[in-house]
């Protein structure tokens, strides 16, 4: 578009992450004209694929579970292929300075619960607990861990999805942080560290306990991840491939390097202003993180309860690492590449190698507040841990990539949650429309917050709201 020009469409979508693109696709399929405005010079949002030795490596969102039907449906429609990530071999659990290995699967050859690269799994511990009585955890620590998980699921089941502030004892739950609750139920340092590793990248210790329960309810509870032996899938070309395919189908409807500055609501429509251009539309979908919305101007101002939600949002920051080797050599030793530790430097790892195994890739998520602050020292520490776990070959990777999401322009954190008191004070969800402004993004998902599946669901839900509003006129 030329500077100073005006374009008229039915709907403007702010943000070309997977959620915003899914919303735009749904609207165009229904015959609506759209413009997708993205501040970055790329699409994908927190789904970002880099390359090392010609192999795509995911630097952000990546994993897909069999229950994430939205992803498989949209991938098929876009002609994007997925493959099952390797989980064969023994799982390593490093705790209290000692590494233990376990082979998952029962006598019938049932597959083991695969382990998320971004979130070291408590599911593995639960699976072990169901089959072994002699885990390398002190009995009291194991008891605390399992009790905390069971209690969280029980409490989450009492939280109404559409109105969490009406849950029994909601005021008390919303005044408590997740961290203070854990201090009571999981005082054993060993168990606490393993639990915290599992929620790293999703929620912080300062997150409201009520919001935590609401978040977990979108998963069906933590236990829903443990209910069946879960396989993990990845995209052949990296997770950003889905966003690229969606954007390609939308053609010139997607406008990059176009940060939105202001959204003006009028009686019969909205005006969305960028630096040199503006868009007139009937409605707008804002598909960026709640903390990112703070930088937008709204005229008239958003309702006070909506502003309270945005101001109370606490983004979580972290780093994604991908360590690339000449081959997945750990498989020769009968190891799956899946690791869970109580170490700050490397909470967990997963085999993220390409399906043909011509290179080996170990991937993991590092919470921003843990491990060495210096990048070079952090790399040395990570490789030292890998060497201890997998042997001397781990000390000399072909490539070492680290993506610090706190440095990402317009990134606004990996995930996050609401501070104490926000839900019971605002008494609204981040997804609740504000006039002609609708909200998407994974933080507004009704199912699977924190995953690509949730991002898709949220985008398509926001699009459906607009289509229903048009029908109701």
Protein backbone atom coordinates (compact mmCIF):
# COMPACT_ATOMS: atom_id res chain seq x y z
CA UNK A 1 0.00 0.00 0.00
CA UNK A 2 1.07 3.57 -0.55
CA UNK A 3 1.75 5.93 2.36
CA UNK A 4 -1.32 7.78 3.54
CA UNK A 5 -3.76 5.44 1.77
CA UNK A 6 -6.97 3.96 3.17
CA UNK A 7 -8.23 0.46 2.57
CA UNK A 8 -11.70 -0.87 3.33
CA UNK A 9 -12.27 -4.49 4.38
CA UNK A 10 -14.82 -6.39 6.42
CA UNK A 11 -12.39 -7.40 9.16
CA UNK A 12 -8.88 -6.38 10.19
CA UNK A 13 -6.80 -8.99 11.99
CA UNK A 14 -3.94 -7.64 14.10
CA UNK A 15 -1.17 -10.23 14.32
CA UNK A 16 -0.06 -12.87 11.80
CA UNK A 17 0.71 -15.62 14.25
CA UNK A 18 -1.02 -18.96 13.81
CA UNK A 19 -4.07 -17.69 15.69
CA UNK A 20 -4.55 -14.55 13.62
CA UNK A 21 -3.96 -16.43 10.37
CA UNK A 22 -6.45 -19.15 11.37
CA UNK A 23 -9.02 -16.44 12.05
CA UNK A 24 -8.38 -14.82 8.68
CA UNK A 25 -8.70 -18.15 6.89
CA UNK A 26 -12.03 -18.84 8.57
CA UNK A 27 -13.33 -15.42 7.57
CA UNK A 28 -12.18 -15.62 3.95
CA UNK A 29 -13.69 -19.09 3.64
CA UNK A 30 -16.97 -17.46 4.70
CA UNK A 31 -16.63 -14.82 1.98
CA UNK A 32 -15.42 -11.92 4.12
CA UNK A 33 -12.67 -9.57 3.03
CA UNK A 34 -9.79 -9.28 5.50
CA UNK A 35 -6.46 -7.55 6.07
CA UNK A 36 -3.93 -9.17 8.39
CA UNK A 37 -1.49 -6.65 9.86
CA UNK A 38 1.76 -7.97 11.31
CA UNK A 39 4.33 -5.79 13.10
CA UNK A 40 7.21 -8.17 12.37
CA UNK A 41 8.70 -8.76 8.91
CA UNK A 42 7.56 -12.39 9.11
CA UNK A 43 4.53 -14.52 9.94
CA UNK A 44 4.24 -17.17 12.64
CA UNK A 45 4.41 -15.26 15.92
CA UNK A 46 5.88 -17.63 18.50
CA UNK A 47 6.14 -20.37 15.88
CA UNK A 48 9.57 -19.64 14.45
CA UNK A 49 11.73 -22.06 12.47
CA UNK A 50 15.46 -21.61 12.02
CA UNK A 51 17.93 -23.74 10.08
CA UNK A 52 21.12 -25.51 11.11
CA UNK A 53 23.04 -27.59 8.62
CA UNK A 54 20.07 -27.34 6.28
CA UNK A 55 17.77 -28.90 8.89
CA UNK A 56 14.75 -26.94 10.17
CA UNK A 57 14.82 -26.47 13.94
CA UNK A 58 11.98 -24.94 15.90
CA UNK A 59 13.01 -21.96 17.97
CA UNK A 60 9.59 -21.58 19.56
CA UNK A 61 6.27 -23.44 19.63
CA UNK A 62 6.70 -26.89 18.20
CA UNK A 63 4.89 -29.91 19.61
CA UNK A 64 1.59 -31.45 18.58
CA UNK A 65 -0.23 -34.24 20.45
CA UNK A 66 -2.73 -36.70 18.96
CA UNK A 67 -5.56 -34.86 20.74
CA UNK A 68 -4.68 -31.59 18.97
CA UNK A 69 -7.18 -32.21 16.20
CA UNK A 70 -7.22 -28.55 15.13
CA UNK A 71 -3.60 -28.78 14.05
CA UNK A 72 -3.99 -31.98 12.01
CA UNK A 73 -7.13 -30.64 10.32
CA UNK A 74 -5.56 -27.34 9.36
CA UNK A 75 -2.27 -28.95 8.34
CA UNK A 76 -4.11 -31.31 5.98
CA UNK A 77 -6.04 -28.41 4.49
CA UNK A 78 -2.80 -26.50 3.90
CA UNK A 79 -0.84 -29.47 2.56
CA UNK A 80 1.60 -29.44 5.48
CA UNK A 81 2.96 -32.76 6.75
CA UNK A 82 3.85 -33.87 10.26
CA UNK A 83 5.93 -36.77 11.54
CA UNK A 84 6.10 -38.63 14.80
CA UNK A 85 9.01 -37.53 16.96
CA UNK A 86 11.34 -40.26 18.22
CA UNK A 87 10.63 -41.59 21.71
CA UNK A 88 12.18 -45.04 21.44
CA UNK A 89 14.81 -45.96 24.01
CA UNK A 90 15.49 -45.24 27.65
CA UNK A 91 14.50 -42.04 29.41
CA UNK A 92 17.05 -40.30 31.65
CA UNK A 93 16.17 -38.79 35.01
CA UNK A 94 18.97 -36.80 36.62
CA UNK A 95 18.35 -35.86 40.22
CA UNK A 96 20.48 -35.24 43.29
CA UNK A 97 23.63 -35.52 41.17
CA UNK A 98 22.86 -39.00 39.84
CA UNK A 99 21.53 -40.07 36.45
CA UNK A 100 19.02 -42.91 36.27
CA UNK A 101 17.66 -44.50 33.11
CA UNK A 102 14.33 -46.21 32.53
CA UNK A 103 12.78 -48.01 29.61
CA UNK A 104 9.18 -47.10 29.08
CA UNK A 105 6.48 -49.35 27.71
CA UNK A 106 4.67 -52.31 29.18
CA UNK A 107 4.91 -55.95 28.20
CA UNK A 108 2.63 -55.37 25.23
CA UNK A 109 5.07 -52.86 23.74
CA UNK A 110 2.96 -49.80 24.57
CA UNK A 111 4.72 -46.59 23.60
CA UNK A 112 5.99 -44.34 26.32
CA UNK A 113 4.59 -40.94 26.98
CA UNK A 114 6.76 -38.67 24.82
CA UNK A 115 8.32 -35.66 26.47
CA UNK A 116 7.78 -32.05 25.38
CA UNK A 117 11.00 -30.28 24.49
CA UNK A 118 9.66 -27.03 25.85
CA UNK A 119 8.21 -28.47 29.04
CA UNK A 120 10.07 -31.28 30.86
CA UNK A 121 7.36 -33.79 31.74
CA UNK A 122 5.85 -34.77 35.01
CA UNK A 123 3.93 -37.24 32.87
CA UNK A 124 7.06 -39.39 32.69
CA UNK A 125 7.30 -39.49 36.48
CA UNK A 126 3.64 -40.44 36.76
CA UNK A 127 4.10 -43.18 34.21
CA UNK A 128 7.06 -44.49 36.17
CA UNK A 129 5.18 -44.28 39.43
CA UNK A 130 2.48 -46.51 38.01
CA UNK A 131 5.01 -49.22 37.10
CA UNK A 132 7.91 -48.95 39.56
CA UNK A 133 7.93 -48.50 43.30
CA UNK A 134 11.64 -47.64 43.55
CA UNK A 135 12.04 -44.32 41.78
CA UNK A 136 15.14 -42.24 42.55
CA UNK A 137 12.91 -39.84 44.47
CA UNK A 138 12.47 -39.90 48.19
CA UNK A 139 9.09 -41.45 49.03
CA UNK A 140 7.84 -38.24 50.64
CA UNK A 141 8.89 -36.21 47.60
CA UNK A 142 7.02 -38.57 45.29
CA UNK A 143 3.97 -38.44 47.54
CA UNK A 144 4.00 -34.65 47.50
CA UNK A 145 4.39 -34.52 43.74
CA UNK A 146 1.53 -36.88 42.99
CA UNK A 147 -0.69 -35.27 45.62
CA UNK A 148 -0.10 -31.80 44.14
CA UNK A 149 -1.00 -32.99 40.64
CA UNK A 150 -4.13 -34.76 41.85
CA UNK A 151 -5.19 -31.76 43.91
CA UNK A 152 -4.69 -29.34 41.04
CA UNK A 153 -6.87 -31.48 38.80
CA UNK A 154 -9.56 -31.75 41.46
CA UNK A 155 -9.59 -27.99 41.98
CA UNK A 156 -9.46 -27.24 38.24
CA UNK A 157 -12.56 -29.38 37.73
CA UNK A 158 -14.51 -27.02 40.04
CA UNK A 159 -13.66 -23.89 38.01
CA UNK A 160 -16.39 -22.94 35.50
CA UNK A 161 -14.61 -22.39 32.15
CA UNK A 162 -16.73 -19.39 31.15
CA UNK A 163 -16.65 -17.67 34.57
CA UNK A 164 -13.76 -18.84 36.77
CA UNK A 165 -14.50 -16.06 39.28
CA UNK A 166 -17.68 -17.98 40.24
CA UNK A 167 -15.72 -21.06 41.36
CA UNK A 168 -16.13 -22.21 44.95
CA UNK A 169 -13.77 -20.18 47.15
CA UNK A 170 -12.74 -18.16 44.09
CA UNK A 171 -11.70 -15.11 46.12
CA UNK A 172 -9.32 -17.18 48.24
CA UNK A 173 -7.88 -18.98 45.21
CA UNK A 174 -7.36 -15.71 43.36
CA UNK A 175 -5.51 -14.15 46.31
CA UNK A 176 -3.01 -16.99 46.36
CA UNK A 177 -0.07 -17.41 44.02
CA UNK A 178 0.86 -20.71 42.46
CA UNK A 179 4.19 -20.45 44.26
CA UNK A 180 2.71 -20.02 47.75
CA UNK A 181 0.39 -22.95 47.16
CA UNK A 182 3.28 -25.14 46.04
CA UNK A 183 5.28 -24.17 49.12
CA UNK A 184 2.60 -25.79 51.24
CA UNK A 185 1.88 -28.90 49.18
CA UNK A 186 5.35 -29.54 47.75
CA UNK A 187 7.93 -28.44 50.34
CA UNK A 188 10.44 -31.13 49.31
CA UNK A 189 13.02 -29.30 47.13
CA UNK A 190 13.46 -32.27 44.79
CA UNK A 191 9.77 -32.57 44.01
CA UNK A 192 9.29 -28.81 43.82
CA UNK A 193 12.05 -28.43 41.24
CA UNK A 194 10.57 -31.14 39.03
CA UNK A 195 7.11 -29.62 39.24
CA UNK A 196 8.39 -26.13 38.41
CA UNK A 197 10.27 -27.51 35.41
CA UNK A 198 7.01 -28.81 34.00
CA UNK A 199 5.21 -25.47 34.06
CA UNK A 200 8.23 -23.40 32.96
CA UNK A 201 7.24 -21.35 29.95
CA UNK A 202 3.56 -21.49 30.82
CA UNK A 203 3.09 -19.93 34.24
CA UNK A 204 5.24 -18.24 36.85
CA UNK A 205 5.18 -18.74 40.60
CA UNK A 206 3.51 -15.34 40.96
CA UNK A 207 0.56 -16.37 38.78
CA UNK A 208 -2.82 -16.44 40.50
CA UNK A 209 -3.79 -19.92 41.65
CA UNK A 210 -7.30 -19.36 40.29
CA UNK A 211 -5.91 -18.46 36.88
CA UNK A 212 -3.61 -21.51 37.04
CA UNK A 213 -6.65 -23.73 37.57
CA UNK A 214 -8.49 -22.03 34.70
CA UNK A 215 -5.45 -22.56 32.49
CA UNK A 216 -5.14 -26.25 33.39
CA UNK A 217 -8.84 -26.75 32.82
CA UNK A 218 -8.30 -25.89 29.15
CA UNK A 219 -6.12 -29.02 29.04
CA UNK A 220 -8.78 -31.06 30.80
CA UNK A 221 -6.38 -30.99 33.77
CA UNK A 222 -2.76 -32.06 34.01
CA UNK A 223 -3.89 -35.66 34.31
CA UNK A 224 -5.44 -35.47 30.86
CA UNK A 225 -1.92 -35.50 29.45
CA UNK A 226 -1.19 -38.70 31.36
CA UNK A 227 -4.40 -40.55 30.57
CA UNK A 228 -3.18 -42.34 27.45
CA UNK A 229 0.24 -43.13 26.00
CA UNK A 230 0.77 -39.95 24.00
CA UNK A 231 2.77 -39.60 20.82
CA UNK A 232 4.34 -36.31 19.88
CA UNK A 233 4.34 -34.92 16.34
CA UNK A 234 6.39 -32.25 14.60
CA UNK A 235 6.18 -30.47 11.26
CA UNK A 236 8.56 -31.68 8.56
CA UNK A 237 9.50 -28.11 7.69
CA UNK A 238 9.22 -26.75 11.22
CA UNK A 239 6.20 -25.32 13.00
CA UNK A 240 6.40 -22.02 11.14
CA UNK A 241 5.59 -23.95 7.97
CA UNK A 242 1.91 -23.98 8.98
CA UNK A 243 1.86 -20.19 9.35
CA UNK A 244 3.65 -19.75 6.04
CA UNK A 245 1.13 -21.99 4.28
CA UNK A 246 -1.79 -20.09 5.79
CA UNK A 247 -0.24 -16.77 4.79
CA UNK A 248 0.48 -17.97 1.25
CA UNK A 249 -3.19 -18.86 0.79
CA UNK A 250 -4.20 -15.41 2.05
CA UNK A 251 -1.80 -13.78 -0.48
CA UNK A 252 -1.68 -9.98 -0.30
CA UNK A 253 -4.21 -9.89 2.51
CA UNK A 254 -1.21 -10.32 4.84
CA UNK A 255 0.78 -7.12 5.29
CA UNK A 256 4.12 -7.43 7.09
CA UNK A 257 6.18 -4.81 8.95
CA UNK A 258 2.99 -2.91 9.68
CA UNK A 259 2.71 -2.34 13.45
CA UNK A 260 -0.71 -1.10 14.51
CA UNK A 261 -0.75 2.09 16.56
CA UNK A 262 -4.41 2.87 17.17
CA UNK A 263 -7.85 1.27 16.97
CA UNK A 264 -10.82 3.63 16.78
CA UNK A 265 -14.32 2.28 17.34
CA UNK A 266 -17.20 4.05 15.67
CA UNK A 267 -20.92 3.38 15.73
CA UNK A 268 -20.83 1.33 12.53
CA UNK A 269 -17.25 0.17 12.28
CA UNK A 270 -13.61 0.53 13.28
CA UNK A 271 -10.55 2.33 11.97
CA UNK A 272 -7.19 0.63 12.45
CA UNK A 273 -4.24 2.98 12.04
CA UNK A 274 -0.62 2.12 11.29
CA UNK A 275 2.19 4.64 10.81
CA UNK A 276 1.28 5.72 7.27
CA UNK A 277 -1.90 3.81 6.43
CA UNK A 278 -5.31 3.11 7.87
CA UNK A 279 -7.91 0.43 7.42
CA UNK A 280 -11.66 0.83 7.72
CA UNK A 281 -13.54 -2.29 8.75
CA UNK A 282 -16.70 -3.49 10.42
CA UNK A 283 -14.80 -5.33 13.17
CA UNK A 284 -11.26 -6.12 14.28
CA UNK A 285 -9.62 -9.18 15.78
CA UNK A 286 -6.58 -8.50 17.96
CA UNK A 287 -4.48 -11.67 17.98
CA UNK A 288 -1.47 -10.67 20.06
CA UNK A 289 -0.49 -11.33 23.68
CA UNK A 290 -2.33 -9.36 26.40
CA UNK A 291 0.88 -7.63 27.42
CA UNK A 292 1.43 -6.53 23.81
CA UNK A 293 -1.98 -4.88 23.70
CA UNK A 294 -0.76 -2.36 26.27
CA UNK A 295 1.15 -0.61 23.50
CA UNK A 296 -1.96 0.03 21.39
CA UNK A 297 -4.15 3.12 21.68
CA UNK A 298 -7.91 2.63 21.75
CA UNK A 299 -10.48 5.34 21.08
CA UNK A 300 -12.66 5.29 23.05
CA UNK A 301 -10.57 3.61 25.76
CA UNK A 302 -11.25 -0.03 26.45
CA UNK A 303 -13.52 -0.86 29.39
CA UNK A 304 -11.80 -0.65 32.77
CA UNK A 305 -12.19 -4.38 33.42
CA UNK A 306 -10.50 -5.19 30.11
CA UNK A 307 -7.64 -2.79 30.89
CA UNK A 308 -7.26 -4.46 34.29
CA UNK A 309 -6.77 -7.83 32.57
CA UNK A 310 -4.05 -6.44 30.31
CA UNK A 311 -2.25 -4.62 33.10
CA UNK A 312 -2.32 -7.74 35.28
CA UNK A 313 -0.84 -10.01 32.63
CA UNK A 314 2.53 -11.48 33.63
CA UNK A 315 4.48 -12.76 30.61
CA UNK A 316 6.89 -15.65 31.07
CA UNK A 317 10.25 -15.40 29.34
CA UNK A 318 12.64 -18.14 28.31
CA UNK A 319 15.17 -19.46 25.83
CA UNK A 320 14.84 -22.30 23.36
CA UNK A 321 17.99 -24.27 22.60
CA UNK A 322 18.69 -26.63 19.71
CA UNK A 323 21.92 -28.65 19.77
CA UNK A 324 22.74 -30.25 16.42
CA UNK A 325 25.07 -33.26 16.03
CA UNK A 326 26.30 -35.31 13.08
CA UNK A 327 23.82 -38.03 14.04
CA UNK A 328 21.48 -38.96 16.91
CA UNK A 329 24.30 -40.95 18.53
CA UNK A 330 22.37 -41.45 21.78
CA UNK A 331 20.12 -43.92 20.02
CA UNK A 332 23.08 -46.27 19.55
CA UNK A 333 23.29 -46.47 23.33
CA UNK A 334 19.59 -47.28 23.58
CA UNK A 335 18.62 -43.79 24.75
CA UNK A 336 15.58 -41.86 23.56
CA UNK A 337 17.18 -38.44 24.04
CA UNK A 338 14.42 -37.55 26.52
CA UNK A 339 15.75 -36.11 29.76
CA UNK A 340 14.34 -34.63 32.94
CA UNK A 341 16.64 -33.03 35.52
CA UNK A 342 16.58 -30.93 38.66
CA UNK A 343 19.29 -28.66 37.21
CA UNK A 344 18.84 -24.98 36.40
CA UNK A 345 20.98 -25.21 33.26
CA UNK A 346 19.03 -28.00 31.55
CA UNK A 347 15.61 -28.78 33.03
CA UNK A 348 14.81 -31.14 30.17
CA UNK A 349 15.66 -32.29 26.66
CA UNK A 350 13.95 -34.09 23.82
CA UNK A 351 15.13 -35.76 20.63
CA UNK A 352 14.10 -33.29 17.92
CA UNK A 353 16.02 -34.96 15.09
CA UNK A 354 14.64 -34.98 11.53
CA UNK A 355 12.64 -38.11 10.69
CA UNK A 356 15.41 -39.71 8.61
CA UNK A 357 17.93 -39.25 11.44
CA UNK A 358 20.67 -37.91 9.16
CA UNK A 359 21.42 -35.35 11.87
CA UNK A 360 20.82 -35.48 15.60
CA UNK A 361 19.04 -32.66 17.40
CA UNK A 362 18.46 -32.24 21.13
CA UNK A 363 16.04 -29.45 22.04
CA UNK A 364 15.11 -27.88 25.35
CA UNK A 365 13.56 -24.89 27.07
CA UNK A 366 15.49 -22.77 29.58
CA UNK A 367 13.56 -20.43 31.90
CA UNK A 368 15.02 -16.95 31.62
CA UNK A 369 15.64 -16.57 35.34
CA UNK A 370 17.63 -19.80 35.66
CA UNK A 371 21.11 -20.83 34.63
CA UNK A 372 24.12 -18.58 33.92
CA UNK A 373 23.35 -15.06 32.75
CA UNK A 374 26.30 -14.97 30.32
CA UNK A 375 25.52 -16.62 26.96
CA UNK A 376 28.95 -18.23 26.55
CA UNK A 377 28.90 -19.60 30.07
CA UNK A 378 25.36 -20.84 29.54
CA UNK A 379 26.46 -22.75 26.44
CA UNK A 380 29.39 -24.30 28.31
CA UNK A 381 27.13 -25.33 31.16
CA UNK A 382 24.48 -26.84 28.88
CA UNK A 383 27.06 -28.86 26.94
CA UNK A 384 28.70 -30.01 30.18
CA UNK A 385 25.36 -31.37 31.35
CA UNK A 386 24.75 -33.04 27.98
CA UNK A 387 28.19 -34.62 28.16
CA UNK A 388 27.48 -35.99 31.60
CA UNK A 389 24.18 -37.42 30.38
CA UNK A 390 25.13 -38.71 26.91
CA UNK A 391 28.90 -39.08 26.94
CA UNK A 392 31.85 -37.23 25.32
CA UNK A 393 30.28 -36.95 21.86
CA UNK A 394 27.77 -34.49 23.30
CA UNK A 395 30.56 -32.00 24.02
CA UNK A 396 31.20 -31.18 20.35
CA UNK A 397 27.98 -30.34 18.48
CA UNK A 398 27.96 -29.22 14.87
CA UNK A 399 25.67 -26.29 15.77
CA UNK A 400 24.38 -24.73 18.98
CA UNK A 401 21.40 -22.40 18.62
CA UNK A 402 19.76 -20.39 21.37
CA UNK A 403 16.69 -18.21 20.90
CA UNK A 404 16.07 -15.70 23.68
CA UNK A 405 12.41 -14.80 23.39
CA UNK A 406 12.77 -11.85 25.70
CA UNK A 407 14.78 -10.17 22.91
CA UNK A 408 12.20 -10.86 20.20
CA UNK A 409 10.64 -7.64 18.85
CA UNK A 410 6.89 -7.67 19.44
CA UNK A 411 7.31 -11.02 21.21
CA UNK A 412 5.69 -10.18 24.56
CA UNK A 413 6.77 -13.39 26.30
CA UNK A 414 6.47 -17.11 25.73
CA UNK A 415 3.15 -17.48 27.52
CA UNK A 416 2.10 -16.12 30.91
CA UNK A 417 -0.81 -15.66 33.27
CA UNK A 418 -2.76 -13.25 35.43
CA UNK A 419 -1.58 -11.78 38.70
CA UNK A 420 -3.44 -12.38 41.95
CA UNK A 421 -6.82 -10.71 42.19
CA UNK A 422 -7.23 -10.01 38.47
CA UNK A 423 -9.95 -12.53 37.65
CA UNK A 424 -12.19 -11.82 40.64
CA UNK A 425 -11.75 -8.06 40.20
CA UNK A 426 -12.27 -7.82 36.44
CA UNK A 427 -14.75 -10.71 36.30
CA UNK A 428 -14.10 -11.20 32.61
CA UNK A 429 -11.86 -13.40 30.47
CA UNK A 430 -9.21 -12.13 28.04
CA UNK A 431 -11.36 -13.45 25.17
CA UNK A 432 -14.47 -11.36 25.99
CA UNK A 433 -15.15 -8.90 23.12
CA UNK A 434 -15.05 -5.15 23.76
CA UNK A 435 -17.62 -3.71 21.36
CA UNK A 436 -16.36 -4.34 17.84
CA UNK A 437 -12.97 -5.50 19.09
CA UNK A 438 -12.56 -9.28 19.33
CA UNK A 439 -9.61 -11.14 20.82
CA UNK A 440 -7.65 -14.15 19.62
CA UNK A 441 -4.21 -15.54 20.44
CA UNK A 442 -3.38 -18.65 22.43
CA UNK A 443 -3.99 -16.81 25.71
CA UNK A 444 -7.69 -16.65 24.83
CA UNK A 445 -8.09 -20.34 23.96
CA UNK A 446 -10.91 -22.44 25.36
CA UNK A 447 -8.87 -25.62 24.89
CA UNK A 448 -5.13 -26.28 25.04
CA UNK A 449 -3.80 -22.88 26.08
CA UNK A 450 -0.09 -22.72 25.40
CA UNK A 451 -0.19 -25.01 22.36
CA UNK A 452 -0.61 -24.49 18.63
CA UNK A 453 -3.95 -26.26 18.88
CA UNK A 454 -5.16 -23.60 21.31
CA UNK A 455 -3.95 -20.80 19.06
CA UNK A 456 -5.98 -22.21 16.16
CA UNK A 457 -9.08 -22.71 18.30
CA UNK A 458 -8.88 -19.15 19.62
CA UNK A 459 -8.54 -17.65 16.14
CA UNK A 460 -11.41 -19.65 14.70
CA UNK A 461 -13.58 -18.84 17.74
CA UNK A 462 -12.98 -15.10 17.26
CA UNK A 463 -13.87 -15.41 13.58
CA UNK A 464 -17.03 -17.30 14.49
CA UNK A 465 -18.04 -14.48 16.86
CA UNK A 466 -17.86 -12.01 13.99
CA UNK A 467 -19.77 -14.26 11.61
CA UNK A 468 -22.46 -14.81 14.21
CA UNK A 469 -22.70 -11.07 14.91
CA UNK A 470 -23.19 -10.42 11.17
CA UNK A 471 -25.89 -13.11 10.96
CA UNK A 472 -27.70 -11.72 14.00
CA UNK A 473 -28.07 -8.24 12.49
